[in-house]
Amino acid sequence: MDKSAIVFNIIWVILVYSVCFISGVVLLFPLLKKGKLRLIGVNRLFVIIIIVSSAYIILSTYLTFFSELNTSLFFAFGILPFTAFLASCFYITSVYSHSKSIYLFLTGIGYSITCILGLIILALQVKNVMLLGLVNLSTTIAQFCFVFFMIDFDEILNHKNFTAFEV
């Protein structure tokens, strides 16, 4: 497959995933407005380390394959909704103490595996069936977990015991 066909396919994949992540953030917006996270004490350092390490992983993966794929504008367009969706998933998971919020955490982990491994497979042209199976499995699990979370969304939104954690 020549490089122009690969770039054309990448554009459609990034567009579909971006619409998916933007839709996810819009659907989670009522919970984002309701929760408040206050960073107090020693755990502030822990939260800052997690945020910095997550940003480092996302940006280093992006910059590593930036020159390889030669579609920088489209990857920049795709990485913003991806980062916003992941931040929304992990923020809601850390703020809400509802038992169903674990589904949202699993959604964030699944899409992290999907997008980062998918980018590595695409850039390095890896033809490993096990890696492709892992990407497809993580996408499927992430989608099911997000659907299970959204089924109970009204219950979670109206839950009186949501915790504004003092981390």
N, C-alpha and C. Protein backbone atom coordinates (compact mmCIF):
# COMPACT_ATOMS: atom_id res chain seq x y z
N MET A 1 0.86 -1.17 0.00
CA MET A 1 0.00 0.00 0.00
C MET A 1 0.90 1.23 0.00
N ASP A 2 0.65 2.16 -0.90
CA ASP A 2 1.50 3.34 -0.97
C ASP A 2 1.15 4.32 0.16
N LYS A 3 2.05 5.28 0.35
CA LYS A 3 1.94 6.19 1.49
C LYS A 3 0.71 7.09 1.42
N SER A 4 0.29 7.51 0.22
CA SER A 4 -0.88 8.38 0.12
C SER A 4 -2.16 7.64 0.53
N ALA A 5 -2.23 6.34 0.23
CA ALA A 5 -3.40 5.56 0.65
C ALA A 5 -3.43 5.39 2.16
N ILE A 6 -2.25 5.20 2.75
CA ILE A 6 -2.18 5.08 4.21
C ILE A 6 -2.61 6.38 4.87
N VAL A 7 -2.12 7.52 4.37
CA VAL A 7 -2.49 8.82 4.93
C VAL A 7 -3.99 9.05 4.77
N PHE A 8 -4.56 8.69 3.63
CA PHE A 8 -6.00 8.85 3.42
C PHE A 8 -6.79 8.02 4.42
N ASN A 9 -6.36 6.79 4.68
CA ASN A 9 -7.03 5.94 5.66
C ASN A 9 -6.88 6.48 7.07
N ILE A 10 -5.72 7.03 7.39
CA ILE A 10 -5.47 7.59 8.72
C ILE A 10 -6.41 8.76 8.97
N ILE A 11 -6.62 9.58 7.97
CA ILE A 11 -7.49 10.75 8.12
C ILE A 11 -8.89 10.32 8.54
N TRP A 12 -9.43 9.29 7.91
CA TRP A 12 -10.78 8.83 8.25
C TRP A 12 -10.83 8.22 9.64
N VAL A 13 -9.81 7.47 10.00
CA VAL A 13 -9.77 6.86 11.33
C VAL A 13 -9.70 7.93 12.40
N ILE A 14 -8.84 8.92 12.20
CA ILE A 14 -8.70 10.01 13.18
C ILE A 14 -9.99 10.81 13.27
N LEU A 15 -10.63 11.05 12.15
CA LEU A 15 -11.89 11.79 12.16
C LEU A 15 -12.98 11.05 12.95
N VAL A 16 -13.10 9.76 12.73
CA VAL A 16 -14.13 8.98 13.43
C VAL A 16 -13.83 8.92 14.93
N TYR A 17 -12.58 8.68 15.29
CA TYR A 17 -12.22 8.64 16.72
C TYR A 17 -12.39 10.01 17.37
N SER A 18 -12.08 11.08 16.66
CA SER A 18 -12.27 12.42 17.22
C SER A 18 -13.74 12.71 17.49
N VAL A 19 -14.60 12.33 16.55
CA VAL A 19 -16.04 12.51 16.77
C VAL A 19 -16.50 11.67 17.97
N CYS A 20 -15.97 10.47 18.10
CA CYS A 20 -16.31 9.60 19.22
C CYS A 20 -15.88 10.23 20.55
N PHE A 21 -14.67 10.75 20.61
CA PHE A 21 -14.17 11.34 21.86
C PHE A 21 -14.88 12.65 22.19
N ILE A 22 -15.17 13.46 21.19
CA ILE A 22 -15.91 14.71 21.43
C ILE A 22 -17.32 14.39 21.93
N SER A 23 -17.95 13.38 21.33
CA SER A 23 -19.28 12.97 21.80
C SER A 23 -19.22 12.47 23.23
N GLY A 24 -18.17 11.74 23.57
CA GLY A 24 -18.02 11.25 24.93
C GLY A 24 -17.88 12.37 25.94
N VAL A 25 -17.11 13.40 25.60
CA VAL A 25 -16.94 14.55 26.51
C VAL A 25 -18.27 15.29 26.66
N VAL A 26 -19.01 15.44 25.56
CA VAL A 26 -20.31 16.11 25.63
C VAL A 26 -21.28 15.32 26.50
N LEU A 27 -21.27 14.00 26.37
CA LEU A 27 -22.16 13.17 27.20
C LEU A 27 -21.78 13.22 28.67
N LEU A 28 -20.50 13.37 28.97
CA LEU A 28 -20.04 13.40 30.36
C LEU A 28 -20.07 14.79 30.98
N PHE A 29 -20.42 15.79 30.20
CA PHE A 29 -20.35 17.17 30.67
C PHE A 29 -21.18 17.46 31.92
N PRO A 30 -22.41 16.90 32.07
CA PRO A 30 -23.15 17.16 33.32
C PRO A 30 -22.40 16.70 34.58
N LEU A 31 -21.68 15.59 34.48
CA LEU A 31 -20.89 15.14 35.63
C LEU A 31 -19.66 16.01 35.84
N LEU A 32 -19.10 16.50 34.75
CA LEU A 32 -17.92 17.38 34.88
C LEU A 32 -18.29 18.68 35.56
N LYS A 33 -19.48 19.19 35.30
CA LYS A 33 -19.92 20.44 35.94
C LYS A 33 -20.19 20.24 37.43
N LYS A 34 -20.68 19.07 37.79
CA LYS A 34 -21.13 18.82 39.16
C LYS A 34 -19.98 18.56 40.14
N GLY A 35 -18.93 17.91 39.71
CA GLY A 35 -17.86 17.49 40.61
C GLY A 35 -16.81 18.56 40.83
N LYS A 36 -16.22 18.51 42.02
CA LYS A 36 -15.14 19.42 42.36
C LYS A 36 -14.03 18.62 43.03
N LEU A 37 -12.82 18.81 42.57
CA LEU A 37 -11.67 18.11 43.12
C LEU A 37 -10.73 19.14 43.72
N ARG A 38 -10.49 19.00 45.02
CA ARG A 38 -9.56 19.91 45.68
C ARG A 38 -8.31 19.15 46.06
N LEU A 39 -7.19 19.68 45.69
CA LEU A 39 -5.91 19.04 45.98
C LEU A 39 -5.32 19.63 47.25
N ILE A 40 -5.24 18.81 48.28
CA ILE A 40 -4.74 19.26 49.57
C ILE A 40 -3.72 18.24 50.07
N GLY A 41 -2.64 18.72 50.63
CA GLY A 41 -1.70 17.87 51.33
C GLY A 41 -0.71 17.15 50.44
N VAL A 42 -0.24 16.01 50.95
CA VAL A 42 0.81 15.24 50.31
C VAL A 42 0.34 14.63 49.00
N ASN A 43 -0.93 14.31 48.90
CA ASN A 43 -1.45 13.69 47.69
C ASN A 43 -1.43 14.62 46.48
N ARG A 44 -1.24 15.91 46.71
CA ARG A 44 -1.14 16.85 45.60
C ARG A 44 0.03 16.47 44.69
N LEU A 45 1.14 16.09 45.31
CA LEU A 45 2.32 15.68 44.54
C LEU A 45 2.01 14.44 43.71
N PHE A 46 1.30 13.50 44.30
CA PHE A 46 0.93 12.27 43.60
C PHE A 46 0.06 12.57 42.37
N VAL A 47 -0.92 13.44 42.52
CA VAL A 47 -1.80 13.80 41.41
C VAL A 47 -1.02 14.54 40.32
N ILE A 48 -0.13 15.42 40.71
CA ILE A 48 0.69 16.16 39.74
C ILE A 48 1.60 15.21 38.98
N ILE A 49 2.18 14.23 39.66
CA ILE A 49 3.03 13.24 39.00
C ILE A 49 2.23 12.43 37.98
N ILE A 50 1.00 12.05 38.32
CA ILE A 50 0.16 11.29 37.39
C ILE A 50 -0.18 12.13 36.17
N ILE A 51 -0.52 13.40 36.38
CA ILE A 51 -0.87 14.27 35.25
C ILE A 51 0.33 14.49 34.34
N VAL A 52 1.49 14.75 34.94
CA VAL A 52 2.69 14.98 34.14
C VAL A 52 3.10 13.72 33.39
N SER A 53 3.03 12.56 34.06
CA SER A 53 3.43 11.33 33.37
C SER A 53 2.46 10.97 32.25
N SER A 54 1.16 11.20 32.45
CA SER A 54 0.19 10.95 31.37
C SER A 54 0.43 11.87 30.18
N ALA A 55 0.66 13.14 30.47
CA ALA A 55 0.96 14.09 29.39
C ALA A 55 2.24 13.71 28.67
N TYR A 56 3.25 13.25 29.43
CA TYR A 56 4.51 12.84 28.81
C TYR A 56 4.30 11.64 27.89
N ILE A 57 3.53 10.65 28.33
CA ILE A 57 3.30 9.47 27.50
C ILE A 57 2.58 9.84 26.21
N ILE A 58 1.54 10.66 26.32
CA ILE A 58 0.78 11.04 25.14
C ILE A 58 1.63 11.87 24.19
N LEU A 59 2.32 12.89 24.71
CA LEU A 59 3.13 13.75 23.85
C LEU A 59 4.34 13.04 23.29
N SER A 60 5.00 12.19 24.06
CA SER A 60 6.17 11.50 23.53
C SER A 60 5.78 10.52 22.44
N THR A 61 4.65 9.85 22.61
CA THR A 61 4.18 8.96 21.55
C THR A 61 3.86 9.75 20.29
N TYR A 62 3.20 10.87 20.47
CA TYR A 62 2.85 11.72 19.33
C TYR A 62 4.11 12.24 18.63
N LEU A 63 5.05 12.77 19.39
CA LEU A 63 6.24 13.36 18.79
C LEU A 63 7.19 12.31 18.20
N THR A 64 7.17 11.10 18.76
CA THR A 64 8.03 10.04 18.22
C THR A 64 7.60 9.67 16.80
N PHE A 65 6.32 9.61 16.57
CA PHE A 65 5.82 9.18 15.27
C PHE A 65 5.38 10.35 14.39
N PHE A 66 5.63 11.55 14.84
CA PHE A 66 5.26 12.76 14.11
C PHE A 66 5.92 12.79 12.74
N SER A 67 7.22 12.59 12.68
CA SER A 67 7.93 12.65 11.39
C SER A 67 7.66 11.41 10.55
N GLU A 68 7.36 10.31 11.19
CA GLU A 68 7.15 9.06 10.47
C GLU A 68 5.88 9.08 9.63
N LEU A 69 4.81 9.67 10.15
CA LEU A 69 3.52 9.59 9.47
C LEU A 69 3.20 10.79 8.59
N ASN A 70 3.83 11.91 8.86
CA ASN A 70 3.73 13.08 8.00
C ASN A 70 2.29 13.62 7.88
N THR A 71 1.51 13.46 8.90
CA THR A 71 0.15 13.99 8.92
C THR A 71 -0.06 14.75 10.23
N SER A 72 0.79 15.69 10.49
CA SER A 72 0.84 16.33 11.80
C SER A 72 -0.43 17.08 12.16
N LEU A 73 -1.04 17.76 11.21
CA LEU A 73 -2.24 18.53 11.51
C LEU A 73 -3.38 17.62 11.95
N PHE A 74 -3.53 16.49 11.29
CA PHE A 74 -4.61 15.58 11.63
C PHE A 74 -4.37 14.89 12.97
N PHE A 75 -3.11 14.59 13.27
CA PHE A 75 -2.81 14.00 14.57
C PHE A 75 -3.00 15.04 15.68
N ALA A 76 -2.69 16.28 15.41
CA ALA A 76 -2.94 17.34 16.40
C ALA A 76 -4.43 17.49 16.63
N PHE A 77 -5.21 17.39 15.56
CA PHE A 77 -6.67 17.45 15.68
C PHE A 77 -7.21 16.25 16.47
N GLY A 78 -6.58 15.11 16.32
CA GLY A 78 -7.05 13.90 17.00
C GLY A 78 -6.58 13.78 18.43
N ILE A 79 -5.44 14.36 18.76
CA ILE A 79 -4.90 14.19 20.10
C ILE A 79 -5.62 15.07 21.12
N LEU A 80 -6.18 16.19 20.71
CA LEU A 80 -6.90 17.06 21.64
C LEU A 80 -8.19 16.42 22.17
N PRO A 81 -9.07 15.90 21.32
CA PRO A 81 -10.25 15.21 21.87
C PRO A 81 -9.90 13.97 22.67
N PHE A 82 -8.86 13.25 22.24
CA PHE A 82 -8.42 12.06 22.97
C PHE A 82 -7.98 12.43 24.38
N THR A 83 -7.18 13.47 24.50
CA THR A 83 -6.71 13.90 25.81
C THR A 83 -7.86 14.43 26.67
N ALA A 84 -8.76 15.18 26.07
CA ALA A 84 -9.92 15.70 26.81
C ALA A 84 -10.81 14.56 27.31
N PHE A 85 -11.01 13.55 26.48
CA PHE A 85 -11.85 12.43 26.89
C PHE A 85 -11.18 11.64 28.02
N LEU A 86 -9.88 11.38 27.89
CA LEU A 86 -9.18 10.66 28.96
C LEU A 86 -9.20 11.45 30.26
N ALA A 87 -8.96 12.75 30.17
CA ALA A 87 -9.00 13.58 31.37
C ALA A 87 -10.38 13.56 32.00
N SER A 88 -11.43 13.60 31.18
CA SER A 88 -12.80 13.54 31.69
C SER A 88 -13.07 12.20 32.39
N CYS A 89 -12.65 11.12 31.77
CA CYS A 89 -12.87 9.79 32.36
C CYS A 89 -12.18 9.67 33.71
N PHE A 90 -10.91 10.05 33.76
CA PHE A 90 -10.17 9.88 35.01
C PHE A 90 -10.59 10.90 36.06
N TYR A 91 -11.01 12.08 35.65
CA TYR A 91 -11.48 13.08 36.61
C TYR A 91 -12.78 12.62 37.26
N ILE A 92 -13.73 12.15 36.46
CA ILE A 92 -15.01 11.69 37.00
C ILE A 92 -14.79 10.47 37.89
N THR A 93 -13.90 9.58 37.49
CA THR A 93 -13.61 8.41 38.32
C THR A 93 -13.03 8.81 39.66
N SER A 94 -12.20 9.84 39.69
CA SER A 94 -11.59 10.24 40.95
C SER A 94 -12.53 11.05 41.83
N VAL A 95 -13.52 11.71 41.26
CA VAL A 95 -14.41 12.56 42.04
C VAL A 95 -15.62 11.79 42.55
N TYR A 96 -16.21 10.92 41.74
CA TYR A 96 -17.44 10.25 42.10
C TYR A 96 -17.16 8.90 42.74
N SER A 97 -17.76 8.68 43.89
CA SER A 97 -17.53 7.44 44.63
C SER A 97 -18.55 6.35 44.28
N HIS A 98 -19.33 6.57 43.25
CA HIS A 98 -20.35 5.59 42.84
C HIS A 98 -19.65 4.33 42.33
N SER A 99 -20.26 3.19 42.60
CA SER A 99 -19.63 1.91 42.22
C SER A 99 -19.54 1.73 40.71
N LYS A 100 -20.39 2.38 39.95
CA LYS A 100 -20.38 2.24 38.48
C LYS A 100 -19.31 3.10 37.82
N SER A 101 -18.63 3.95 38.57
CA SER A 101 -17.61 4.79 37.95
C SER A 101 -16.38 4.00 37.52
N ILE A 102 -16.26 2.76 37.98
CA ILE A 102 -15.16 1.91 37.53
C ILE A 102 -15.27 1.64 36.03
N TYR A 103 -16.50 1.63 35.50
CA TYR A 103 -16.68 1.45 34.06
C TYR A 103 -16.02 2.57 33.27
N LEU A 104 -16.10 3.76 33.79
CA LEU A 104 -15.49 4.90 33.10
C LEU A 104 -13.97 4.82 33.17
N PHE A 105 -13.44 4.34 34.27
CA PHE A 105 -12.00 4.14 34.39
C PHE A 105 -11.52 3.10 33.37
N LEU A 106 -12.26 2.00 33.26
CA LEU A 106 -11.91 0.97 32.28
C LEU A 106 -12.03 1.49 30.85
N THR A 107 -12.98 2.39 30.62
CA THR A 107 -13.11 3.00 29.30
C THR A 107 -11.86 3.81 28.97
N GLY A 108 -11.39 4.61 29.91
CA GLY A 108 -10.18 5.40 29.69
C GLY A 108 -8.96 4.54 29.44
N ILE A 109 -8.80 3.49 30.22
CA ILE A 109 -7.67 2.58 30.03
C ILE A 109 -7.77 1.88 28.68
N GLY A 110 -8.96 1.42 28.32
CA GLY A 110 -9.14 0.72 27.04
C GLY A 110 -8.83 1.59 25.85
N TYR A 111 -9.32 2.84 25.87
CA TYR A 111 -9.03 3.72 24.75
C TYR A 111 -7.58 4.18 24.75
N SER A 112 -6.93 4.24 25.90
CA SER A 112 -5.49 4.54 25.93
C SER A 112 -4.71 3.44 25.22
N ILE A 113 -5.04 2.20 25.55
CA ILE A 113 -4.38 1.07 24.90
C ILE A 113 -4.67 1.09 23.40
N THR A 114 -5.91 1.33 23.04
CA THR A 114 -6.30 1.33 21.63
C THR A 114 -5.54 2.38 20.83
N CYS A 115 -5.55 3.61 21.30
CA CYS A 115 -4.97 4.70 20.52
C CYS A 115 -3.45 4.66 20.52
N ILE A 116 -2.84 4.39 21.65
CA ILE A 116 -1.37 4.40 21.69
C ILE A 116 -0.80 3.19 20.96
N LEU A 117 -1.34 1.99 21.22
CA LEU A 117 -0.85 0.82 20.50
C LEU A 117 -1.21 0.89 19.02
N GLY A 118 -2.38 1.43 18.70
CA GLY A 118 -2.76 1.57 17.30
C GLY A 118 -1.82 2.49 16.55
N LEU A 119 -1.40 3.58 17.20
CA LEU A 119 -0.45 4.49 16.58
C LEU A 119 0.91 3.83 16.38
N ILE A 120 1.34 3.06 17.36
CA ILE A 120 2.63 2.35 17.24
C ILE A 120 2.57 1.32 16.12
N ILE A 121 1.48 0.57 16.06
CA ILE A 121 1.34 -0.44 15.01
C ILE A 121 1.31 0.22 13.63
N LEU A 122 0.61 1.35 13.53
CA LEU A 122 0.52 2.05 12.25
C LEU A 122 1.87 2.62 11.84
N ALA A 123 2.57 3.24 12.76
CA ALA A 123 3.83 3.90 12.41
C ALA A 123 4.94 2.90 12.11
N LEU A 124 4.98 1.83 12.86
CA LEU A 124 6.06 0.86 12.66
C LEU A 124 5.70 -0.25 11.68
N GLN A 125 4.46 -0.21 11.17
CA GLN A 125 3.98 -1.21 10.21
C GLN A 125 4.14 -2.62 10.77
N VAL A 126 3.76 -2.80 12.03
CA VAL A 126 3.86 -4.10 12.69
C VAL A 126 2.73 -4.99 12.20
N LYS A 127 3.07 -6.18 11.81
CA LYS A 127 2.07 -7.13 11.33
C LYS A 127 1.96 -8.30 12.33
N ASN A 128 1.62 -7.97 13.57
CA ASN A 128 1.50 -8.98 14.61
C ASN A 128 0.03 -9.16 14.95
N VAL A 129 -0.44 -10.37 14.79
CA VAL A 129 -1.85 -10.67 15.01
C VAL A 129 -2.23 -10.47 16.48
N MET A 130 -1.33 -10.78 17.39
CA MET A 130 -1.62 -10.64 18.81
C MET A 130 -1.81 -9.17 19.20
N LEU A 131 -0.98 -8.28 18.67
CA LEU A 131 -1.13 -6.86 18.96
C LEU A 131 -2.42 -6.30 18.38
N LEU A 132 -2.73 -6.70 17.16
CA LEU A 132 -3.99 -6.26 16.55
C LEU A 132 -5.19 -6.80 17.32
N GLY A 133 -5.09 -8.02 17.79
CA GLY A 133 -6.15 -8.58 18.62
C GLY A 133 -6.31 -7.84 19.94
N LEU A 134 -5.18 -7.44 20.54
CA LEU A 134 -5.23 -6.67 21.78
C LEU A 134 -5.88 -5.31 21.56
N VAL A 135 -5.56 -4.67 20.44
CA VAL A 135 -6.17 -3.37 20.13
C VAL A 135 -7.68 -3.53 19.94
N ASN A 136 -8.09 -4.53 19.19
CA ASN A 136 -9.52 -4.76 18.97
C ASN A 136 -10.24 -5.14 20.26
N LEU A 137 -9.60 -5.97 21.09
CA LEU A 137 -10.21 -6.36 22.36
C LEU A 137 -10.34 -5.16 23.29
N SER A 138 -9.32 -4.33 23.36
CA SER A 138 -9.39 -3.16 24.26
C SER A 138 -10.44 -2.16 23.77
N THR A 139 -10.59 -2.02 22.46
CA THR A 139 -11.64 -1.14 21.93
C THR A 139 -13.02 -1.68 22.29
N THR A 140 -13.22 -2.96 22.14
CA THR A 140 -14.50 -3.58 22.45
C THR A 140 -14.84 -3.45 23.93
N ILE A 141 -13.87 -3.72 24.78
CA ILE A 141 -14.09 -3.60 26.23
C ILE A 141 -14.38 -2.15 26.60
N ALA A 142 -13.65 -1.22 26.02
CA ALA A 142 -13.87 0.21 26.32
C ALA A 142 -15.27 0.64 25.90
N GLN A 143 -15.70 0.21 24.73
CA GLN A 143 -17.04 0.59 24.27
C GLN A 143 -18.13 -0.01 25.13
N PHE A 144 -18.00 -1.26 25.51
CA PHE A 144 -19.00 -1.87 26.38
C PHE A 144 -19.02 -1.20 27.76
N CYS A 145 -17.86 -0.90 28.30
CA CYS A 145 -17.81 -0.24 29.61
C CYS A 145 -18.44 1.14 29.55
N PHE A 146 -18.21 1.88 28.47
CA PHE A 146 -18.82 3.20 28.35
C PHE A 146 -20.34 3.09 28.23
N VAL A 147 -20.82 2.10 27.50
CA VAL A 147 -22.27 1.89 27.38
C VAL A 147 -22.86 1.51 28.74
N PHE A 148 -22.19 0.62 29.48
CA PHE A 148 -22.68 0.25 30.81
C PHE A 148 -22.70 1.46 31.74
N PHE A 149 -21.70 2.33 31.62
CA PHE A 149 -21.69 3.54 32.44
C PHE A 149 -22.85 4.46 32.05
N MET A 150 -23.08 4.63 30.76
CA MET A 150 -24.14 5.53 30.31
C MET A 150 -25.54 4.99 30.60
N ILE A 151 -25.69 3.67 30.71
CA ILE A 151 -26.98 3.10 31.08
C ILE A 151 -27.38 3.57 32.47
N ASP A 152 -26.43 3.65 33.37
CA ASP A 152 -26.68 4.09 34.75
C ASP A 152 -26.35 5.56 34.97
N PHE A 153 -26.29 6.34 33.90
CA PHE A 153 -25.86 7.73 34.01
C PHE A 153 -26.79 8.57 34.89
N ASP A 154 -28.10 8.41 34.73
CA ASP A 154 -29.04 9.18 35.55
C ASP A 154 -28.91 8.84 37.03
N GLU A 155 -28.71 7.57 37.32
CA GLU A 155 -28.51 7.16 38.71
C GLU A 155 -27.23 7.77 39.28
N ILE A 156 -26.19 7.80 38.50
CA ILE A 156 -24.92 8.37 38.96
C ILE A 156 -25.04 9.88 39.11
N LEU A 157 -25.71 10.53 38.17
CA LEU A 157 -25.87 11.98 38.22
C LEU A 157 -26.71 12.42 39.42
N ASN A 158 -27.72 11.64 39.76
CA ASN A 158 -28.60 11.98 40.87
C ASN A 158 -28.15 11.38 42.20
N HIS A 159 -27.03 10.71 42.19
CA HIS A 159 -26.50 10.09 43.41
C HIS A 159 -26.15 11.18 44.41
N LYS A 160 -26.71 11.11 45.59
CA LYS A 160 -26.52 12.17 46.59
C LYS A 160 -25.16 12.08 47.28
N ASN A 161 -24.55 10.93 47.20
CA ASN A 161 -23.31 10.72 47.94
C ASN A 161 -22.07 10.92 47.10
N PHE A 162 -22.11 11.78 46.12
CA PHE A 162 -20.89 11.99 45.35
C PHE A 162 -19.90 12.74 46.23
N THR A 163 -18.66 12.37 46.11
CA THR A 163 -17.63 12.88 47.01
C THR A 163 -16.80 13.93 46.31
N ALA A 164 -16.71 15.08 46.91
CA ALA A 164 -15.74 16.06 46.44
C ALA A 164 -14.47 15.76 47.21
N PHE A 165 -13.70 14.82 46.70
CA PHE A 165 -12.52 14.34 47.40
C PHE A 165 -11.55 15.48 47.69
N GLU A 166 -11.00 15.44 48.85
CA GLU A 166 -9.90 16.34 49.18
C GLU A 166 -8.64 15.51 49.07
N VAL A 167 -8.08 15.51 47.90
CA VAL A 167 -6.92 14.68 47.62
C VAL A 167 -5.67 15.36 48.08
